[in-house]
Amino acid sequence: MIVDPRDANHLYLGMSSGGVHESRDAGASWTPLSDGMEVVDGFDATNLAFHDPHCVRLAPSNPDRLWQQNHCGIYRLDRPATRWRRVGTSMPARVGDIGFNMAVHPRDADRAWVFPMDADTVWPRTSPEGRPAVYGTRDGGRRWQRYDDGLPTSQAWWTVKRQAMCVDDGAPVGLYLGMTSGELWMGRENGARWRCIARHLPEIYAVESAAT
């Protein structure tokens, strides 16, 4: 659930298999925001409230911009428009733009990062080819760059769940990934340099960076 920082009555709710919904009256009523979604399992999501947003983020520097990592790709919505636009199609074909999580730069609404996972079938939802990498955009999703310096180059079949990726407010920012295998990784310099900062933890469901 996301609260508009300018209006506490303005809410967004993203539900896995339930779609994104919007309320302007503190939750008393809700309107689906599904226009522009891809076809899923034979159903046209533009006519249904039910879709599968894995992660929805509001850009802190521009609350009128929403990012979504969806079951069918990466999407962006710029209010007051109501139609989502897929912005992950320029990702490499062997990687794709399917994943569970994403992070948005605290001061630049055009910058966002995702951790793609194998989406050839429903499972395994792990790093494509066992070569994990974060992909980032600096231009609102038109182009994406691979960041894998310091990450394993083979046999790393990682899964990062929906809320297990975050960004701090440093300059440059740092990114954080929590694995289901219990490892926590940090990407320095806007995610350009990675290192493991904790091991042997339980399965990590969520990671959050406290404001400095």
N, C-alpha and C. Protein backbone atom coordinates (compact mmCIF):
# COMPACT_ATOMS: atom_id res chain seq x y z
N MET A 1 0.84 -1.19 0.00
CA MET A 1 0.00 0.00 0.00
C MET A 1 0.88 1.25 0.00
N ILE A 2 0.50 2.24 -0.80
CA ILE A 2 1.26 3.48 -0.93
C ILE A 2 0.35 4.65 -0.59
N VAL A 3 0.85 5.58 0.22
CA VAL A 3 0.13 6.80 0.57
C VAL A 3 0.78 7.96 -0.18
N ASP A 4 -0.01 8.73 -0.88
CA ASP A 4 0.49 9.91 -1.58
C ASP A 4 1.03 10.89 -0.53
N PRO A 5 2.31 11.27 -0.59
CA PRO A 5 2.86 12.16 0.45
C PRO A 5 2.22 13.53 0.48
N ARG A 6 1.46 13.89 -0.55
CA ARG A 6 0.80 15.19 -0.59
C ARG A 6 -0.63 15.15 -0.07
N ASP A 7 -1.19 13.95 0.05
CA ASP A 7 -2.60 13.81 0.42
C ASP A 7 -2.81 12.45 1.07
N ALA A 8 -3.00 12.42 2.35
CA ALA A 8 -3.14 11.16 3.09
C ALA A 8 -4.39 10.39 2.70
N ASN A 9 -5.35 11.03 2.04
CA ASN A 9 -6.56 10.34 1.60
C ASN A 9 -6.37 9.63 0.26
N HIS A 10 -5.25 9.91 -0.39
CA HIS A 10 -5.00 9.34 -1.72
C HIS A 10 -4.11 8.11 -1.56
N LEU A 11 -4.65 6.94 -1.86
CA LEU A 11 -3.97 5.67 -1.61
C LEU A 11 -3.87 4.84 -2.89
N TYR A 12 -2.81 4.05 -2.96
CA TYR A 12 -2.66 3.03 -4.00
C TYR A 12 -2.49 1.69 -3.30
N LEU A 13 -3.12 0.66 -3.85
CA LEU A 13 -3.03 -0.68 -3.29
C LEU A 13 -2.68 -1.66 -4.40
N GLY A 14 -1.59 -2.39 -4.25
CA GLY A 14 -1.20 -3.42 -5.20
C GLY A 14 -1.32 -4.79 -4.58
N MET A 15 -2.08 -5.67 -5.21
CA MET A 15 -2.30 -7.02 -4.69
C MET A 15 -1.88 -8.05 -5.72
N SER A 16 -1.05 -8.99 -5.33
CA SER A 16 -0.68 -10.06 -6.23
C SER A 16 -1.94 -10.80 -6.68
N SER A 17 -2.12 -10.92 -8.00
CA SER A 17 -3.30 -11.52 -8.61
C SER A 17 -4.57 -10.70 -8.38
N GLY A 18 -4.42 -9.50 -7.80
CA GLY A 18 -5.59 -8.66 -7.54
C GLY A 18 -5.54 -7.32 -8.22
N GLY A 19 -4.39 -6.95 -8.80
CA GLY A 19 -4.29 -5.70 -9.53
C GLY A 19 -3.93 -4.51 -8.66
N VAL A 20 -3.80 -3.36 -9.31
CA VAL A 20 -3.54 -2.09 -8.63
C VAL A 20 -4.85 -1.32 -8.55
N HIS A 21 -5.12 -0.77 -7.37
CA HIS A 21 -6.35 -0.01 -7.15
C HIS A 21 -6.00 1.33 -6.50
N GLU A 22 -6.88 2.30 -6.73
CA GLU A 22 -6.66 3.65 -6.23
C GLU A 22 -7.87 4.12 -5.42
N SER A 23 -7.59 4.81 -4.31
CA SER A 23 -8.65 5.42 -3.52
C SER A 23 -8.30 6.88 -3.28
N ARG A 24 -9.28 7.75 -3.39
CA ARG A 24 -9.09 9.17 -3.10
C ARG A 24 -9.88 9.61 -1.87
N ASP A 25 -10.45 8.64 -1.16
CA ASP A 25 -11.24 8.96 0.03
C ASP A 25 -10.83 8.10 1.22
N ALA A 26 -9.52 7.92 1.37
CA ALA A 26 -8.96 7.19 2.52
C ALA A 26 -9.42 5.75 2.60
N GLY A 27 -9.73 5.15 1.46
CA GLY A 27 -10.07 3.74 1.44
C GLY A 27 -11.54 3.43 1.47
N ALA A 28 -12.40 4.45 1.48
CA ALA A 28 -13.84 4.20 1.49
C ALA A 28 -14.31 3.59 0.17
N SER A 29 -13.67 3.96 -0.92
CA SER A 29 -14.00 3.39 -2.23
C SER A 29 -12.72 3.25 -3.04
N TRP A 30 -12.75 2.30 -3.99
CA TRP A 30 -11.55 1.98 -4.76
C TRP A 30 -11.89 1.87 -6.25
N THR A 31 -10.92 2.25 -7.09
CA THR A 31 -11.04 2.16 -8.54
C THR A 31 -9.84 1.39 -9.08
N PRO A 32 -10.05 0.38 -9.93
CA PRO A 32 -8.91 -0.37 -10.48
C PRO A 32 -8.11 0.47 -11.46
N LEU A 33 -6.80 0.27 -11.45
CA LEU A 33 -5.88 0.90 -12.41
C LEU A 33 -5.21 -0.22 -13.19
N SER A 34 -5.90 -0.76 -14.17
CA SER A 34 -5.37 -1.90 -14.93
C SER A 34 -5.24 -1.60 -16.41
N ASP A 35 -5.62 -0.42 -16.86
CA ASP A 35 -5.56 -0.11 -18.28
C ASP A 35 -4.12 -0.15 -18.76
N GLY A 36 -3.90 -0.85 -19.87
CA GLY A 36 -2.57 -0.96 -20.45
C GLY A 36 -1.84 -2.23 -20.10
N MET A 37 -2.40 -3.06 -19.22
CA MET A 37 -1.75 -4.30 -18.85
C MET A 37 -1.81 -5.31 -19.99
N GLU A 38 -0.85 -6.23 -20.01
CA GLU A 38 -0.77 -7.25 -21.06
C GLU A 38 -1.81 -8.34 -20.84
N VAL A 39 -2.01 -9.17 -21.86
CA VAL A 39 -2.87 -10.34 -21.74
C VAL A 39 -2.19 -11.38 -20.85
N VAL A 40 -2.92 -11.92 -19.90
CA VAL A 40 -2.40 -12.93 -18.98
C VAL A 40 -3.25 -14.18 -19.06
N ASP A 41 -2.64 -15.28 -19.44
CA ASP A 41 -3.32 -16.57 -19.46
C ASP A 41 -4.64 -16.51 -20.24
N GLY A 42 -4.63 -15.76 -21.34
CA GLY A 42 -5.81 -15.70 -22.18
C GLY A 42 -6.83 -14.65 -21.79
N PHE A 43 -6.63 -13.95 -20.67
CA PHE A 43 -7.57 -12.93 -20.24
C PHE A 43 -6.99 -11.55 -20.55
N ASP A 44 -7.83 -10.68 -21.05
CA ASP A 44 -7.41 -9.32 -21.37
C ASP A 44 -7.48 -8.48 -20.10
N ALA A 45 -6.31 -8.12 -19.54
CA ALA A 45 -6.28 -7.42 -18.26
C ALA A 45 -6.82 -6.01 -18.37
N THR A 46 -6.95 -5.45 -19.58
CA THR A 46 -7.51 -4.11 -19.70
C THR A 46 -8.99 -4.10 -19.34
N ASN A 47 -9.61 -5.27 -19.35
CA ASN A 47 -11.02 -5.35 -19.00
C ASN A 47 -11.25 -5.99 -17.64
N LEU A 48 -10.16 -6.24 -16.92
CA LEU A 48 -10.29 -6.89 -15.62
C LEU A 48 -9.53 -6.11 -14.56
N ALA A 49 -10.01 -6.14 -13.33
CA ALA A 49 -9.27 -5.56 -12.22
C ALA A 49 -8.17 -6.49 -11.77
N PHE A 50 -8.28 -7.77 -12.14
CA PHE A 50 -7.37 -8.77 -11.60
C PHE A 50 -6.14 -8.90 -12.48
N HIS A 51 -5.01 -8.52 -11.94
CA HIS A 51 -3.73 -8.68 -12.62
C HIS A 51 -2.72 -8.96 -11.52
N ASP A 52 -1.45 -9.08 -11.88
CA ASP A 52 -0.47 -9.55 -10.90
C ASP A 52 0.68 -8.57 -10.73
N PRO A 53 0.47 -7.45 -10.04
CA PRO A 53 1.58 -6.55 -9.74
C PRO A 53 2.48 -7.16 -8.67
N HIS A 54 3.71 -7.46 -9.04
CA HIS A 54 4.64 -8.01 -8.06
C HIS A 54 5.13 -6.94 -7.10
N CYS A 55 5.35 -5.73 -7.62
CA CYS A 55 5.85 -4.64 -6.79
C CYS A 55 5.44 -3.32 -7.43
N VAL A 56 4.92 -2.39 -6.64
CA VAL A 56 4.54 -1.07 -7.11
C VAL A 56 5.28 -0.03 -6.28
N ARG A 57 5.95 0.90 -6.95
CA ARG A 57 6.70 1.95 -6.26
C ARG A 57 6.27 3.33 -6.75
N LEU A 58 6.16 4.27 -5.82
CA LEU A 58 5.93 5.67 -6.14
C LEU A 58 7.27 6.39 -6.11
N ALA A 59 7.54 7.20 -7.13
CA ALA A 59 8.81 7.93 -7.19
C ALA A 59 8.81 9.02 -6.12
N PRO A 60 9.72 8.97 -5.14
CA PRO A 60 9.71 9.97 -4.07
C PRO A 60 9.86 11.41 -4.56
N SER A 61 10.61 11.59 -5.65
CA SER A 61 10.83 12.95 -6.14
C SER A 61 9.71 13.45 -7.05
N ASN A 62 8.82 12.55 -7.45
CA ASN A 62 7.69 12.91 -8.30
C ASN A 62 6.53 11.98 -7.99
N PRO A 63 5.69 12.32 -7.00
CA PRO A 63 4.61 11.42 -6.60
C PRO A 63 3.57 11.15 -7.68
N ASP A 64 3.66 11.84 -8.82
CA ASP A 64 2.75 11.55 -9.93
C ASP A 64 3.25 10.43 -10.82
N ARG A 65 4.41 9.85 -10.50
CA ARG A 65 4.94 8.74 -11.29
C ARG A 65 4.94 7.46 -10.46
N LEU A 66 4.35 6.42 -11.03
CA LEU A 66 4.35 5.09 -10.43
C LEU A 66 5.12 4.13 -11.32
N TRP A 67 5.87 3.25 -10.69
CA TRP A 67 6.56 2.17 -11.38
C TRP A 67 5.95 0.85 -10.91
N GLN A 68 5.90 -0.12 -11.82
CA GLN A 68 5.35 -1.42 -11.47
C GLN A 68 6.17 -2.54 -12.10
N GLN A 69 6.60 -3.50 -11.27
CA GLN A 69 7.19 -4.75 -11.76
C GLN A 69 6.06 -5.76 -11.75
N ASN A 70 5.65 -6.17 -12.93
CA ASN A 70 4.44 -6.96 -13.08
C ASN A 70 4.77 -8.37 -13.54
N HIS A 71 3.81 -9.26 -13.42
CA HIS A 71 3.95 -10.63 -13.90
C HIS A 71 4.29 -10.67 -15.40
N CYS A 72 3.96 -9.58 -16.11
CA CYS A 72 4.20 -9.53 -17.55
C CYS A 72 5.23 -8.49 -17.95
N GLY A 73 5.93 -7.87 -17.02
CA GLY A 73 6.95 -6.91 -17.41
C GLY A 73 7.05 -5.72 -16.48
N ILE A 74 7.80 -4.72 -16.92
CA ILE A 74 8.01 -3.49 -16.17
C ILE A 74 7.14 -2.40 -16.78
N TYR A 75 6.39 -1.71 -15.93
CA TYR A 75 5.45 -0.70 -16.40
C TYR A 75 5.67 0.63 -15.66
N ARG A 76 5.20 1.71 -16.31
CA ARG A 76 5.27 3.05 -15.71
C ARG A 76 3.94 3.76 -15.95
N LEU A 77 3.51 4.51 -14.95
CA LEU A 77 2.27 5.28 -15.06
C LEU A 77 2.55 6.70 -14.59
N ASP A 78 2.26 7.67 -15.41
CA ASP A 78 2.42 9.08 -15.07
C ASP A 78 1.05 9.72 -14.94
N ARG A 79 0.67 10.05 -13.69
CA ARG A 79 -0.63 10.64 -13.44
C ARG A 79 -0.69 12.05 -13.98
N PRO A 80 -1.83 12.58 -14.38
CA PRO A 80 -3.15 12.01 -14.11
C PRO A 80 -3.60 10.94 -15.11
N ALA A 81 -2.73 10.50 -16.01
CA ALA A 81 -3.10 9.41 -16.92
C ALA A 81 -3.48 8.17 -16.13
N THR A 82 -4.24 7.29 -16.74
CA THR A 82 -4.67 6.05 -16.07
C THR A 82 -4.20 4.81 -16.83
N ARG A 83 -3.43 5.00 -17.89
CA ARG A 83 -2.98 3.86 -18.69
C ARG A 83 -1.50 3.59 -18.44
N TRP A 84 -1.19 2.37 -17.99
CA TRP A 84 0.19 1.95 -17.78
C TRP A 84 0.88 1.75 -19.12
N ARG A 85 2.18 2.02 -19.15
CA ARG A 85 2.97 1.80 -20.36
C ARG A 85 4.13 0.86 -20.04
N ARG A 86 4.27 -0.20 -20.83
CA ARG A 86 5.35 -1.15 -20.60
C ARG A 86 6.67 -0.53 -21.03
N VAL A 87 7.65 -0.52 -20.12
CA VAL A 87 8.93 0.15 -20.39
C VAL A 87 10.12 -0.80 -20.25
N GLY A 88 9.86 -2.10 -20.20
CA GLY A 88 10.95 -3.05 -20.06
C GLY A 88 11.27 -3.83 -21.31
N THR A 89 10.69 -3.46 -22.44
CA THR A 89 10.86 -4.26 -23.65
C THR A 89 12.25 -4.15 -24.26
N SER A 90 13.04 -3.15 -23.84
CA SER A 90 14.40 -3.03 -24.36
C SER A 90 15.41 -3.87 -23.58
N MET A 91 14.96 -4.59 -22.57
CA MET A 91 15.85 -5.49 -21.85
C MET A 91 16.31 -6.60 -22.79
N PRO A 92 17.52 -7.17 -22.58
CA PRO A 92 17.98 -8.27 -23.44
C PRO A 92 16.99 -9.42 -23.47
N ALA A 93 16.79 -10.00 -24.64
CA ALA A 93 15.78 -11.04 -24.81
C ALA A 93 16.03 -12.24 -23.90
N ARG A 94 17.30 -12.60 -23.71
CA ARG A 94 17.59 -13.78 -22.88
C ARG A 94 17.35 -13.51 -21.40
N VAL A 95 17.21 -12.24 -21.03
CA VAL A 95 16.96 -11.87 -19.64
C VAL A 95 15.49 -11.56 -19.42
N GLY A 96 14.91 -10.71 -20.28
CA GLY A 96 13.51 -10.33 -20.13
C GLY A 96 13.30 -9.32 -19.02
N ASP A 97 12.07 -8.89 -18.84
CA ASP A 97 11.78 -7.86 -17.84
C ASP A 97 10.82 -8.35 -16.76
N ILE A 98 10.84 -9.67 -16.52
CA ILE A 98 9.99 -10.24 -15.47
C ILE A 98 10.80 -10.41 -14.19
N GLY A 99 10.23 -10.02 -13.10
CA GLY A 99 10.87 -10.19 -11.79
C GLY A 99 9.86 -9.90 -10.71
N PHE A 100 10.31 -9.88 -9.46
CA PHE A 100 9.40 -9.64 -8.35
C PHE A 100 9.53 -8.23 -7.79
N ASN A 101 10.67 -7.59 -7.92
CA ASN A 101 10.95 -6.41 -7.12
C ASN A 101 11.48 -5.27 -7.96
N MET A 102 11.52 -4.08 -7.37
CA MET A 102 12.16 -2.94 -8.01
C MET A 102 12.41 -1.86 -6.98
N ALA A 103 13.29 -0.93 -7.32
CA ALA A 103 13.61 0.21 -6.46
C ALA A 103 13.68 1.45 -7.32
N VAL A 104 13.33 2.61 -6.74
CA VAL A 104 13.32 3.87 -7.46
C VAL A 104 14.23 4.86 -6.74
N HIS A 105 14.98 5.62 -7.50
CA HIS A 105 15.91 6.59 -6.93
C HIS A 105 15.14 7.62 -6.09
N PRO A 106 15.67 7.99 -4.92
CA PRO A 106 14.94 8.93 -4.06
C PRO A 106 14.85 10.35 -4.59
N ARG A 107 15.75 10.71 -5.55
CA ARG A 107 15.78 12.10 -6.01
C ARG A 107 15.64 12.24 -7.53
N ASP A 108 15.51 11.14 -8.23
CA ASP A 108 15.43 11.17 -9.69
C ASP A 108 14.37 10.16 -10.13
N ALA A 109 13.21 10.65 -10.55
CA ALA A 109 12.10 9.78 -10.91
C ALA A 109 12.36 8.97 -12.17
N ASP A 110 13.37 9.34 -12.96
CA ASP A 110 13.70 8.59 -14.17
C ASP A 110 14.58 7.38 -13.89
N ARG A 111 15.12 7.28 -12.69
CA ARG A 111 16.05 6.19 -12.37
C ARG A 111 15.36 5.11 -11.54
N ALA A 112 15.49 3.87 -11.99
CA ALA A 112 14.91 2.74 -11.29
C ALA A 112 15.75 1.51 -11.56
N TRP A 113 15.61 0.50 -10.70
CA TRP A 113 16.38 -0.73 -10.82
C TRP A 113 15.46 -1.94 -10.62
N VAL A 114 15.78 -3.04 -11.29
CA VAL A 114 15.05 -4.29 -11.14
C VAL A 114 16.04 -5.44 -11.06
N PHE A 115 15.56 -6.58 -10.59
CA PHE A 115 16.36 -7.80 -10.54
C PHE A 115 15.60 -8.87 -11.33
N PRO A 116 15.89 -9.01 -12.64
CA PRO A 116 15.13 -9.94 -13.48
C PRO A 116 15.32 -11.40 -13.05
N MET A 117 14.28 -12.20 -13.32
CA MET A 117 14.34 -13.63 -13.04
C MET A 117 13.75 -14.40 -14.20
N ASP A 118 14.18 -15.64 -14.32
CA ASP A 118 13.76 -16.52 -15.40
C ASP A 118 12.24 -16.65 -15.40
N ALA A 119 11.62 -16.29 -16.52
CA ALA A 119 10.16 -16.35 -16.62
C ALA A 119 9.70 -17.24 -17.76
N ASP A 120 10.55 -18.18 -18.18
CA ASP A 120 10.16 -19.07 -19.27
C ASP A 120 8.94 -19.90 -18.90
N THR A 121 8.86 -20.29 -17.64
CA THR A 121 7.69 -21.00 -17.11
C THR A 121 7.34 -20.39 -15.77
N VAL A 122 6.34 -20.90 -15.10
CA VAL A 122 5.96 -20.37 -13.79
C VAL A 122 7.12 -20.47 -12.82
N TRP A 123 7.85 -21.54 -12.88
CA TRP A 123 9.05 -21.72 -12.07
C TRP A 123 10.22 -21.93 -13.02
N PRO A 124 11.47 -21.71 -12.63
CA PRO A 124 11.95 -21.63 -11.24
C PRO A 124 11.99 -20.22 -10.65
N ARG A 125 11.82 -19.15 -11.46
CA ARG A 125 11.91 -17.79 -10.95
C ARG A 125 13.26 -17.55 -10.27
N THR A 126 14.32 -17.88 -10.96
CA THR A 126 15.68 -17.65 -10.48
C THR A 126 16.45 -16.83 -11.50
N SER A 127 17.68 -16.45 -11.17
CA SER A 127 18.49 -15.63 -12.06
C SER A 127 18.65 -16.32 -13.43
N PRO A 128 18.39 -15.61 -14.53
CA PRO A 128 18.53 -16.23 -15.85
C PRO A 128 19.94 -16.80 -16.06
N GLU A 129 20.00 -18.06 -16.45
CA GLU A 129 21.26 -18.76 -16.73
C GLU A 129 22.17 -18.85 -15.49
N GLY A 130 21.62 -18.62 -14.31
CA GLY A 130 22.43 -18.67 -13.09
C GLY A 130 23.42 -17.54 -12.98
N ARG A 131 23.19 -16.44 -13.71
CA ARG A 131 24.08 -15.27 -13.72
C ARG A 131 23.31 -14.04 -13.26
N PRO A 132 23.24 -13.81 -11.94
CA PRO A 132 22.42 -12.71 -11.42
C PRO A 132 22.98 -11.35 -11.79
N ALA A 133 22.06 -10.41 -11.97
CA ALA A 133 22.44 -9.03 -12.26
C ALA A 133 21.27 -8.13 -11.98
N VAL A 134 21.58 -6.91 -11.58
CA VAL A 134 20.58 -5.85 -11.46
C VAL A 134 20.63 -5.04 -12.75
N TYR A 135 19.48 -4.61 -13.23
CA TYR A 135 19.40 -3.74 -14.39
C TYR A 135 18.82 -2.40 -13.97
N GLY A 136 19.43 -1.32 -14.44
CA GLY A 136 18.98 0.01 -14.07
C GLY A 136 18.70 0.87 -15.29
N THR A 137 17.77 1.81 -15.13
CA THR A 137 17.47 2.78 -16.18
C THR A 137 17.70 4.19 -15.64
N ARG A 138 18.17 5.06 -16.52
CA ARG A 138 18.37 6.47 -16.18
C ARG A 138 17.42 7.37 -16.95
N ASP A 139 16.60 6.80 -17.82
CA ASP A 139 15.77 7.61 -18.70
C ASP A 139 14.32 7.15 -18.72
N GLY A 140 13.82 6.75 -17.58
CA GLY A 140 12.41 6.40 -17.48
C GLY A 140 12.04 5.07 -18.08
N GLY A 141 13.02 4.22 -18.38
CA GLY A 141 12.75 2.89 -18.90
C GLY A 141 13.01 2.71 -20.37
N ARG A 142 13.51 3.76 -21.06
CA ARG A 142 13.81 3.59 -22.49
C ARG A 142 15.00 2.67 -22.71
N ARG A 143 16.01 2.78 -21.86
CA ARG A 143 17.20 1.93 -21.95
C ARG A 143 17.52 1.37 -20.56
N TRP A 144 18.12 0.17 -20.55
CA TRP A 144 18.48 -0.49 -19.31
C TRP A 144 19.93 -0.95 -19.37
N GLN A 145 20.65 -0.80 -18.26
CA GLN A 145 22.06 -1.18 -18.18
C GLN A 145 22.24 -2.29 -17.16
N ARG A 146 23.10 -3.25 -17.49
CA ARG A 146 23.36 -4.39 -16.60
C ARG A 146 24.42 -4.01 -15.57
N TYR A 147 24.17 -4.36 -14.31
CA TYR A 147 25.12 -4.15 -13.21
C TYR A 147 25.38 -5.49 -12.54
N ASP A 148 26.57 -6.05 -12.75
CA ASP A 148 26.87 -7.35 -12.16
C ASP A 148 28.28 -7.44 -11.56
N ASP A 149 28.99 -6.32 -11.48
CA ASP A 149 30.34 -6.33 -10.94
C ASP A 149 30.32 -6.77 -9.48
N GLY A 150 30.99 -7.89 -9.19
CA GLY A 150 31.03 -8.44 -7.85
C GLY A 150 30.05 -9.56 -7.60
N LEU A 151 29.06 -9.72 -8.48
CA LEU A 151 28.10 -10.81 -8.34
C LEU A 151 28.65 -12.08 -8.99
N PRO A 152 28.18 -13.25 -8.58
CA PRO A 152 28.66 -14.50 -9.17
C PRO A 152 28.41 -14.54 -10.68
N THR A 153 29.32 -15.16 -11.39
CA THR A 153 29.21 -15.23 -12.85
C THR A 153 28.59 -16.54 -13.34
N SER A 154 28.34 -17.47 -12.43
CA SER A 154 27.70 -18.73 -12.84
C SER A 154 27.17 -19.45 -11.60
N GLN A 155 26.22 -20.36 -11.83
CA GLN A 155 25.68 -21.25 -10.81
C GLN A 155 25.13 -20.50 -9.58
N ALA A 156 24.56 -19.33 -9.81
CA ALA A 156 23.92 -18.58 -8.71
C ALA A 156 22.44 -18.45 -9.05
N TRP A 157 21.66 -19.42 -8.62
CA TRP A 157 20.24 -19.50 -8.97
C TRP A 157 19.43 -18.79 -7.90
N TRP A 158 19.52 -17.48 -7.90
CA TRP A 158 18.95 -16.67 -6.82
C TRP A 158 17.49 -16.31 -7.08
N THR A 159 16.77 -16.15 -5.96
CA THR A 159 15.43 -15.60 -5.99
C THR A 159 15.36 -14.45 -4.98
N VAL A 160 14.84 -13.31 -5.41
CA VAL A 160 14.66 -12.13 -4.57
C VAL A 160 13.17 -11.80 -4.55
N LYS A 161 12.57 -11.83 -3.39
CA LYS A 161 11.12 -11.68 -3.31
C LYS A 161 10.68 -10.22 -3.45
N ARG A 162 9.37 -10.02 -3.44
CA ARG A 162 8.76 -8.76 -3.85
C ARG A 162 9.29 -7.53 -3.11
N GLN A 163 9.46 -7.63 -1.82
CA GLN A 163 9.86 -6.47 -1.03
C GLN A 163 11.31 -6.56 -0.56
N ALA A 164 12.10 -7.44 -1.18
CA ALA A 164 13.47 -7.68 -0.72
C ALA A 164 14.52 -6.92 -1.52
N MET A 165 14.14 -5.77 -2.08
CA MET A 165 15.08 -4.89 -2.76
C MET A 165 14.76 -3.46 -2.36
N CYS A 166 15.80 -2.70 -2.01
CA CYS A 166 15.55 -1.31 -1.63
C CYS A 166 16.77 -0.46 -1.98
N VAL A 167 16.61 0.85 -1.84
CA VAL A 167 17.66 1.80 -2.14
C VAL A 167 17.77 2.77 -0.96
N ASP A 168 19.01 3.20 -0.63
CA ASP A 168 19.16 4.19 0.44
C ASP A 168 19.15 5.59 -0.17
N ASP A 169 19.42 6.61 0.64
CA ASP A 169 19.37 7.98 0.14
C ASP A 169 20.76 8.61 0.08
N GLY A 170 21.78 7.79 -0.06
CA GLY A 170 23.14 8.30 -0.16
C GLY A 170 23.39 9.02 -1.48
N ALA A 171 24.59 9.56 -1.61
CA ALA A 171 24.99 10.23 -2.85
C ALA A 171 26.41 9.77 -3.20
N PRO A 172 26.57 8.80 -4.11
CA PRO A 172 25.51 8.09 -4.83
C PRO A 172 24.76 7.11 -3.95
N VAL A 173 23.62 6.65 -4.41
CA VAL A 173 22.80 5.75 -3.60
C VAL A 173 23.41 4.35 -3.57
N GLY A 174 23.02 3.60 -2.57
CA GLY A 174 23.35 2.18 -2.48
C GLY A 174 22.09 1.36 -2.63
N LEU A 175 22.21 0.19 -3.25
CA LEU A 175 21.09 -0.73 -3.42
C LEU A 175 21.32 -1.96 -2.55
N TYR A 176 20.23 -2.63 -2.18
CA TYR A 176 20.30 -3.80 -1.30
C TYR A 176 19.37 -4.89 -1.82
N LEU A 177 19.89 -6.13 -1.81
CA LEU A 177 19.13 -7.30 -2.26
C LEU A 177 19.16 -8.35 -1.17
N GLY A 178 17.99 -8.88 -0.80
CA GLY A 178 17.91 -9.96 0.16
C GLY A 178 17.48 -11.24 -0.54
N MET A 179 18.27 -12.30 -0.39
CA MET A 179 18.02 -13.56 -1.11
C MET A 179 17.19 -14.53 -0.27
N THR A 180 16.48 -15.40 -0.95
CA THR A 180 15.78 -16.46 -0.23
C THR A 180 16.76 -17.43 0.41
N SER A 181 18.02 -17.41 -0.05
CA SER A 181 19.06 -18.27 0.54
C SER A 181 19.67 -17.67 1.79
N GLY A 182 19.23 -16.47 2.19
CA GLY A 182 19.70 -15.88 3.43
C GLY A 182 20.92 -14.99 3.29
N GLU A 183 21.23 -14.54 2.08
CA GLU A 183 22.34 -13.61 1.87
C GLU A 183 21.79 -12.21 1.62
N LEU A 184 22.53 -11.20 2.13
CA LEU A 184 22.19 -9.80 1.89
C LEU A 184 23.34 -9.15 1.14
N TRP A 185 23.02 -8.57 -0.02
CA TRP A 185 24.03 -7.96 -0.88
C TRP A 185 23.79 -6.46 -0.97
N MET A 186 24.91 -5.71 -1.07
CA MET A 186 24.84 -4.26 -1.23
C MET A 186 25.52 -3.87 -2.55
N GLY A 187 24.87 -2.98 -3.29
CA GLY A 187 25.43 -2.45 -4.53
C GLY A 187 25.81 -0.99 -4.34
N ARG A 188 27.10 -0.70 -4.25
CA ARG A 188 27.56 0.67 -4.09
C ARG A 188 27.52 1.42 -5.42
N GLU A 189 27.63 2.74 -5.33
CA GLU A 189 27.73 3.59 -6.53
C GLU A 189 26.55 3.35 -7.47
N ASN A 190 25.34 3.52 -6.95
CA ASN A 190 24.12 3.33 -7.74
C ASN A 190 23.97 1.90 -8.26
N GLY A 191 24.51 0.95 -7.52
CA GLY A 191 24.39 -0.45 -7.90
C GLY A 191 25.49 -0.96 -8.81
N ALA A 192 26.54 -0.15 -9.02
CA ALA A 192 27.60 -0.54 -9.96
C ALA A 192 28.57 -1.56 -9.37
N ARG A 193 28.75 -1.60 -8.04
CA ARG A 193 29.72 -2.49 -7.40
C ARG A 193 29.03 -3.25 -6.28
N TRP A 194 29.05 -4.60 -6.38
CA TRP A 194 28.30 -5.42 -5.43
C TRP A 194 29.21 -6.23 -4.51
N ARG A 195 28.74 -6.40 -3.26
CA ARG A 195 29.43 -7.29 -2.33
C ARG A 195 28.42 -7.82 -1.33
N CYS A 196 28.69 -9.02 -0.82
CA CYS A 196 27.82 -9.64 0.18
C CYS A 196 28.15 -9.07 1.55
N ILE A 197 27.15 -8.59 2.27
CA ILE A 197 27.38 -7.99 3.59
C ILE A 197 26.82 -8.84 4.74
N ALA A 198 26.09 -9.91 4.43
CA ALA A 198 25.60 -10.81 5.48
C ALA A 198 25.26 -12.16 4.87
N ARG A 199 25.59 -13.23 5.60
CA ARG A 199 25.29 -14.59 5.15
C ARG A 199 24.62 -15.37 6.27
N HIS A 200 24.09 -16.53 5.92
CA HIS A 200 23.53 -17.50 6.86
C HIS A 200 22.34 -16.93 7.64
N LEU A 201 21.59 -16.02 7.02
CA LEU A 201 20.35 -15.53 7.62
C LEU A 201 19.20 -16.44 7.21
N PRO A 202 18.06 -16.34 7.88
CA PRO A 202 16.88 -17.05 7.37
C PRO A 202 16.47 -16.49 6.02
N GLU A 203 15.53 -17.13 5.39
CA GLU A 203 15.01 -16.64 4.12
C GLU A 203 14.55 -15.19 4.27
N ILE A 204 15.01 -14.32 3.37
CA ILE A 204 14.73 -12.89 3.49
C ILE A 204 13.50 -12.54 2.65
N TYR A 205 12.48 -11.98 3.33
CA TYR A 205 11.24 -11.61 2.66
C TYR A 205 11.20 -10.12 2.31
N ALA A 206 11.87 -9.26 3.10
CA ALA A 206 11.79 -7.82 2.88
C ALA A 206 13.07 -7.17 3.37
N VAL A 207 13.47 -6.10 2.68
CA VAL A 207 14.63 -5.30 3.06
C VAL A 207 14.23 -3.84 2.98
N GLU A 208 14.60 -3.06 4.00
CA GLU A 208 14.27 -1.63 4.01
C GLU A 208 15.46 -0.85 4.54
N SER A 209 15.72 0.28 3.94
CA SER A 209 16.81 1.16 4.36
C SER A 209 16.24 2.32 5.15
N ALA A 210 16.77 2.54 6.37
CA ALA A 210 16.32 3.66 7.17
C ALA A 210 16.89 4.96 6.61
N ALA A 211 16.14 6.04 6.67
CA ALA A 211 16.60 7.33 6.19
C ALA A 211 17.77 7.81 7.03
N THR A 212 18.76 8.44 6.37
CA THR A 212 19.92 8.93 7.09
C THR A 212 19.81 10.42 7.33
